[in-house]
Protein backbone atom coordinates (compact mmCIF):
# COMPACT_ATOMS: atom_id res chain seq x y z
CA MET A 1 55.94 32.56 139.66
CA VAL A 2 58.03 33.94 142.51
CA ALA A 3 56.42 33.51 145.91
CA PRO A 4 56.22 36.72 147.98
CA ARG A 5 58.12 37.13 151.21
CA ILE A 6 55.83 37.56 154.22
CA ASP A 7 56.71 39.67 157.26
CA HIS A 8 55.96 38.80 160.90
CA THR A 9 52.45 40.29 160.66
CA GLY A 10 51.50 38.08 157.71
CA ASN A 11 51.64 41.02 155.31
CA VAL A 12 53.34 40.86 151.91
CA ALA A 13 56.89 42.20 152.28
CA SER A 14 57.86 42.00 148.61
CA PHE A 15 56.30 42.33 145.18
CA VAL A 16 56.81 40.59 141.86
CA LEU A 17 57.54 42.61 138.73
CA ILE A 18 56.39 41.49 135.30
CA GLY A 19 57.63 42.34 131.83
CA PHE A 20 55.26 41.20 129.10
CA PRO A 21 52.94 38.43 130.35
CA GLY A 22 52.94 35.34 128.16
CA MET A 23 56.14 36.46 126.42
CA GLU A 24 58.64 35.45 129.11
CA GLU A 25 60.62 33.28 126.70
CA TYR A 26 61.20 36.33 124.49
CA HIS A 27 62.45 38.58 127.32
CA PRO A 28 66.13 38.20 126.33
CA TRP A 29 65.22 39.43 122.84
CA LEU A 30 62.99 42.20 124.19
CA SER A 31 65.92 43.37 126.29
CA ILE A 32 67.66 44.52 123.08
CA PRO A 33 65.24 47.41 122.27
CA PHE A 34 64.98 48.35 125.93
CA CYS A 35 68.75 48.41 126.31
CA SER A 36 68.98 50.51 123.13
CA ILE A 37 66.40 52.95 124.53
CA TYR A 38 68.37 53.41 127.74
CA LEU A 39 71.65 53.78 125.84
CA VAL A 40 70.22 56.49 123.57
CA ALA A 41 68.66 58.30 126.56
CA LEU A 42 71.87 58.24 128.61
CA LEU A 43 74.19 59.19 125.73
CA GLY A 44 71.84 61.82 124.27
CA ASN A 45 71.19 63.67 127.51
CA SER A 46 74.82 63.38 128.61
CA ALA A 47 75.92 64.85 125.24
CA ILE A 48 73.57 67.83 125.69
CA LEU A 49 74.90 68.46 129.20
CA PHE A 50 78.51 68.21 127.97
CA VAL A 51 77.94 70.58 125.03
CA ILE A 52 76.21 73.19 127.20
CA LYS A 53 78.88 72.95 129.92
CA THR A 54 81.83 73.26 127.53
CA ASN A 55 80.40 76.11 125.41
CA PRO A 56 80.32 79.44 127.31
CA GLY A 57 78.10 80.89 124.58
CA LEU A 58 75.34 78.50 125.67
CA HIS A 59 75.36 79.63 129.31
CA THR A 60 72.07 81.45 128.82
CA PRO A 61 68.68 80.88 130.51
CA MET A 62 67.28 78.89 127.58
CA TYR A 63 70.14 76.38 127.59
CA ILE A 64 70.39 76.26 131.38
CA PHE A 65 66.75 75.16 131.46
CA LEU A 66 67.57 72.64 128.72
CA SER A 67 70.37 71.25 130.91
CA MET A 68 67.85 70.93 133.77
CA LEU A 69 65.59 68.95 131.44
CA ALA A 70 68.50 66.70 130.42
CA MET A 71 69.42 66.05 134.07
CA THR A 72 65.78 65.22 134.84
CA ASP A 73 65.62 62.79 131.92
CA LEU A 74 68.84 61.13 133.10
CA GLY A 75 67.37 60.73 136.59
CA LEU A 76 64.14 59.27 135.21
CA SER A 77 66.03 56.76 133.05
CA LEU A 78 68.34 55.69 135.88
CA SER A 79 65.35 55.26 138.22
CA THR A 80 63.78 52.51 136.08
CA MET A 81 66.84 50.94 134.45
CA PRO A 82 67.91 48.57 137.29
CA THR A 83 64.60 46.70 137.56
CA VAL A 84 63.77 46.74 133.84
CA LEU A 85 67.11 45.37 132.66
CA GLY A 86 67.39 43.11 135.71
CA LEU A 87 64.09 41.51 134.79
CA PHE A 88 64.85 41.10 131.07
CA TRP A 89 68.49 40.06 131.45
CA PHE A 90 68.56 38.04 134.68
CA ASN A 91 64.86 37.33 135.34
CA ILE A 92 65.05 39.19 138.67
CA ARG A 93 61.37 39.60 139.48
CA GLU A 94 61.17 40.08 143.23
CA ILE A 95 61.52 43.55 144.77
CA ASN A 96 61.05 44.23 148.47
CA PHE A 97 58.68 46.92 149.66
CA HIS A 98 61.34 49.45 150.68
CA ALA A 99 63.18 49.15 147.35
CA CYS A 100 59.86 49.50 145.52
CA ALA A 101 58.87 52.57 147.57
CA THR A 102 62.27 54.15 146.91
CA GLN A 103 62.00 53.52 143.18
CA LEU A 104 58.49 54.94 142.86
CA PHE A 105 59.58 57.98 144.88
CA PHE A 106 62.33 58.79 142.37
CA ILE A 107 60.20 57.92 139.32
CA HIS A 108 57.37 60.24 140.36
CA THR A 109 59.75 62.94 141.62
CA PHE A 110 61.61 63.12 138.31
CA SER A 111 58.33 62.93 136.39
CA PHE A 112 56.89 65.92 138.26
CA MET A 113 60.27 67.64 137.97
CA GLU A 114 60.09 67.29 134.19
CA SER A 115 56.67 68.93 134.19
CA SER A 116 58.04 71.81 136.29
CA VAL A 117 61.07 72.26 134.03
CA LEU A 118 58.82 72.38 130.97
CA LEU A 119 56.80 75.12 132.71
CA ALA A 120 60.00 77.03 133.46
CA MET A 121 61.03 76.70 129.80
CA ALA A 122 57.63 78.04 128.74
CA PHE A 123 58.17 81.03 131.04
CA ASP A 124 61.60 81.53 129.45
CA ARG A 125 60.07 81.61 125.96
CA TYR A 126 57.30 83.93 127.16
CA VAL A 127 59.79 86.48 128.55
CA ALA A 128 62.09 86.19 125.52
CA ILE A 129 59.27 86.88 123.04
CA CYS A 130 56.82 89.05 124.97
CA ASN A 131 59.32 91.14 126.95
CA PRO A 132 62.71 90.79 125.22
CA LEU A 133 64.20 94.05 126.53
CA LYS A 134 63.94 92.81 130.13
CA TYR A 135 64.94 89.20 129.38
CA THR A 136 68.41 89.35 130.94
CA SER A 137 67.28 91.46 133.89
CA ILE A 138 64.40 89.09 134.74
CA LEU A 139 66.17 85.75 134.25
CA THR A 140 69.40 86.45 136.10
CA ASN A 141 71.69 83.69 137.38
CA ALA A 142 70.32 84.13 140.89
CA VAL A 143 66.75 83.74 139.61
CA LEU A 144 67.73 80.62 137.65
CA VAL A 145 69.26 79.07 140.77
CA ARG A 146 66.12 79.83 142.79
CA ILE A 147 63.91 78.35 140.05
CA GLY A 148 66.03 75.17 139.98
CA LEU A 149 65.91 74.80 143.76
CA ALA A 150 62.16 75.48 143.79
CA ILE A 151 61.59 72.80 141.13
CA ALA A 152 63.62 70.22 143.09
CA ALA A 153 61.97 71.11 146.43
CA ARG A 154 58.45 71.14 145.00
CA SER A 155 58.80 67.83 143.13
CA SER A 156 60.48 65.89 145.93
CA GLY A 157 58.42 67.47 148.70
CA ILE A 158 55.08 66.68 147.13
CA VAL A 159 56.05 63.01 146.55
CA PHE A 160 57.82 62.55 149.90
CA PRO A 161 54.71 61.42 151.87
CA THR A 162 53.81 58.79 149.26
CA PRO A 163 56.11 55.94 150.47
CA TRP A 164 54.97 56.57 154.06
CA LEU A 165 51.30 56.46 153.04
CA LEU A 166 51.86 53.22 151.12
CA GLY A 167 53.71 51.78 154.13
CA ARG A 168 50.59 52.23 156.26
CA CYS A 169 48.61 49.94 153.96
CA SER A 170 48.32 46.15 154.17
CA TYR A 171 49.00 44.07 151.06
CA CYS A 172 47.26 40.73 151.47
CA ARG A 173 45.39 40.38 148.17
CA SER A 174 48.13 40.00 145.60
CA HIS A 175 51.83 40.62 145.21
CA VAL A 176 52.10 40.94 141.41
CA LEU A 177 52.67 44.41 139.98
CA SER A 178 51.66 45.33 136.44
CA HIS A 179 55.00 46.64 135.18
CA SER A 180 58.75 46.10 135.32
CA PHE A 181 59.06 49.06 137.72
CA CYS A 182 57.08 50.41 140.66
CA LEU A 183 54.42 53.10 140.26
CA HIS A 184 52.25 54.55 143.04
CA GLN A 185 48.89 53.64 141.49
CA ASP A 186 50.12 50.15 140.64
CA VAL A 187 51.20 49.39 144.23
CA LEU A 188 48.11 51.03 145.68
CA LYS A 189 45.68 48.77 143.82
CA LEU A 190 47.21 45.74 145.61
CA SER A 191 46.27 47.14 149.01
CA CYS A 192 43.50 45.53 151.03
CA SER A 193 43.36 48.52 153.42
CA ASP A 194 41.20 51.61 153.17
CA ALA A 195 43.21 53.58 150.61
CA ARG A 196 41.00 56.65 150.32
CA VAL A 197 43.64 58.91 151.87
CA ASN A 198 46.24 57.67 149.37
CA SER A 199 43.86 58.12 146.45
CA ILE A 200 42.83 61.63 147.51
CA TYR A 201 46.45 62.63 148.11
CA GLY A 202 47.50 61.20 144.73
CA LEU A 203 44.73 63.12 142.99
CA CYS A 204 45.74 66.36 144.77
CA VAL A 205 49.36 65.84 143.73
CA VAL A 206 48.39 65.41 140.09
CA LEU A 207 46.15 68.50 140.21
CA LEU A 208 48.83 70.63 141.88
CA THR A 209 51.56 69.58 139.45
CA LEU A 210 50.66 68.17 136.06
CA VAL A 211 47.29 69.90 135.64
CA ILE A 212 48.41 73.33 136.86
CA ASP A 213 51.68 73.12 134.91
CA SER A 214 49.92 72.19 131.68
CA LEU A 215 47.39 75.00 132.09
CA LEU A 216 50.14 77.56 132.77
CA ILE A 217 52.11 76.33 129.75
CA LEU A 218 48.97 76.70 127.62
CA LEU A 219 48.39 80.21 129.00
CA SER A 220 51.99 81.23 128.25
CA TYR A 221 51.66 80.08 124.65
CA MET A 222 48.37 81.88 124.22
CA LYS A 223 50.18 85.08 125.21
CA ILE A 224 53.13 84.21 122.96
CA ILE A 225 50.82 83.65 119.98
CA LYS A 226 49.08 86.96 120.67
CA THR A 227 52.42 88.78 120.80
CA VAL A 228 53.81 87.08 117.69
CA ALA A 229 50.63 87.79 115.73
CA GLY A 230 51.24 91.48 116.34
CA LEU A 231 54.71 91.46 114.80
CA ALA A 232 55.04 93.46 111.60
CA SER A 233 56.89 91.15 109.20
CA ARG A 234 56.34 87.50 108.35
CA GLU A 235 60.05 86.80 108.87
CA GLU A 236 59.89 88.07 112.46
CA ARG A 237 56.86 85.90 113.18
CA LEU A 238 58.51 82.79 111.75
CA LYS A 239 61.73 83.48 113.67
CA ALA A 240 59.81 83.88 116.93
CA PHE A 241 57.80 80.69 116.38
CA HIS A 242 60.95 78.77 115.41
CA THR A 243 62.46 79.38 118.86
CA CYS A 244 59.42 77.60 120.38
CA VAL A 245 59.22 74.55 118.10
CA SER A 246 61.53 72.32 120.16
CA HIS A 247 59.80 73.20 123.42
CA VAL A 248 56.33 72.56 121.98
CA CYS A 249 57.51 69.14 120.74
CA VAL A 250 58.89 68.04 124.12
CA VAL A 251 55.75 69.33 125.88
CA LEU A 252 53.61 67.13 123.61
CA ILE A 253 56.00 64.18 124.01
CA PHE A 254 55.63 64.41 127.80
CA PHE A 255 51.98 65.37 128.35
CA ILE A 256 50.27 63.19 125.71
CA PRO A 257 51.48 59.90 127.33
CA VAL A 258 50.72 61.32 130.80
CA ILE A 259 47.14 62.07 129.78
CA GLY A 260 46.86 58.66 128.10
CA VAL A 261 48.06 56.79 131.21
CA SER A 262 45.75 58.80 133.49
CA MET A 263 42.73 58.20 131.27
CA MET A 264 43.42 54.47 131.04
CA HIS A 265 43.76 54.12 134.81
CA ARG A 266 40.42 55.89 135.27
CA PHE A 267 38.36 54.58 132.35
CA GLY A 268 40.32 51.80 130.62
CA ARG A 269 40.27 49.01 133.17
CA HIS A 270 38.57 46.75 130.64
CA LEU A 271 41.50 47.08 128.21
CA SER A 272 44.12 44.37 127.78
CA PRO A 273 46.93 44.44 130.39
CA MET A 274 49.37 44.66 127.48
CA VAL A 275 47.93 48.08 126.56
CA HIS A 276 48.50 49.35 130.11
CA ILE A 277 52.06 48.00 130.10
CA LEU A 278 52.90 49.62 126.76
CA MET A 279 51.41 52.98 127.79
CA ALA A 280 53.35 52.99 131.06
CA ASP A 281 56.58 52.14 129.20
CA ILE A 282 55.94 54.93 126.69
CA TYR A 283 55.18 57.41 129.50
CA ILE A 284 58.37 56.57 131.43
CA LEU A 285 60.90 55.60 128.73
CA ILE A 286 60.14 57.61 125.60
CA PRO A 287 60.51 61.30 126.71
CA PRO A 288 64.14 60.84 127.90
CA VAL A 289 64.94 59.32 124.48
CA LEU A 290 63.12 61.79 122.22
CA ASN A 291 63.87 65.04 124.10
CA PRO A 292 67.62 65.13 123.29
CA ILE A 293 66.89 64.05 119.71
CA VAL A 294 64.37 66.89 119.26
CA TYR A 295 66.72 69.52 120.69
CA SER A 296 69.71 68.15 118.76
CA VAL A 297 67.83 68.32 115.46
CA LYS A 298 65.86 71.52 116.01
CA THR A 299 68.39 73.62 117.95
CA GLN A 300 71.32 74.58 115.76
CA PRO A 301 73.83 75.51 118.53
CA ILE A 302 73.32 72.09 120.17
CA TRP A 303 73.73 70.26 116.86
CA LYS A 304 76.85 72.24 115.97
CA GLY A 305 78.24 71.73 119.47
CA ILE A 306 77.80 67.95 119.22
CA LEU A 307 79.42 67.86 115.77
CA ARG A 308 82.27 70.07 116.97
CA THR A 309 82.86 67.91 120.04
CA PHE A 310 82.89 64.60 118.19
CA GLY A 311 84.83 66.16 115.31
CA LYS A 312 87.61 67.24 117.68
CA ARG A 313 87.74 63.80 119.29
CA ARG A 314 87.94 62.12 115.89
CA MET A 315 90.79 64.40 114.80
CA THR A 316 92.60 63.68 118.09
CA HIS A 317 92.35 59.92 117.50
CA LEU A 318 93.56 60.28 113.90
CA ARG A 319 96.63 62.14 115.07
């Protein structure tokens, strides 16, 4: 085990990351699926961004929000990739406090940003289905820019005090984190200081972001269902619902692991550490992988754009 570095006050100045306890000898083999996950996430989201950027017909609110989601997923993947692959490939376990605080800032910022983007996408579907005649006048380019800036400011602003609050704590009990990346709740449980302020602030952040966003998404879909149920023909109802399928899937992909992780931290402390590790990995790593797959399969313009792009490149190479 790596010994922690101690600062001049006797406080722990670094932490130790873990992968899968008791399976250290298999870490090089475990790096293969993790590397594959990151590769799929990076290539999938980059492909969606490229297709949307190079196809003027996709420069609409729906696809602009999808590009925001892809950028968020890229940021979330890149936030965890250095420590995860560093641990599995090179057995780099030690991370100093400032690097850990920086990583958790970006992880939580992009996580809350994803929740906000999903809310914005729900609003887009609500306007498109419930008020289609005013769709283009409501979601103008200026409004989209303001929504994007508001999402970035809200997500980063609400997480910004977290590293400072963690820096005020003393860490003299342990130095071993529970994952291969830094999370706020994981660092906080190592503190031997009074952490009530941190806990209350963390709870308020979750309530003001994930809980409110999920409730507003649910409300928007209740209104969408009410509107769609009033449509005359079955074909119109199916067409309206079909435009929401991809969004509903990515909402479930994101919020189900979030709820699972939150419930386990509150009520599942008796569970095996391996269960906590797997849930945290699913919560952080899986949405960036599945989101581009869902939209590539379920959204025909994206699928055609990807085929067209790679088809052109293949023809160029053949020539």
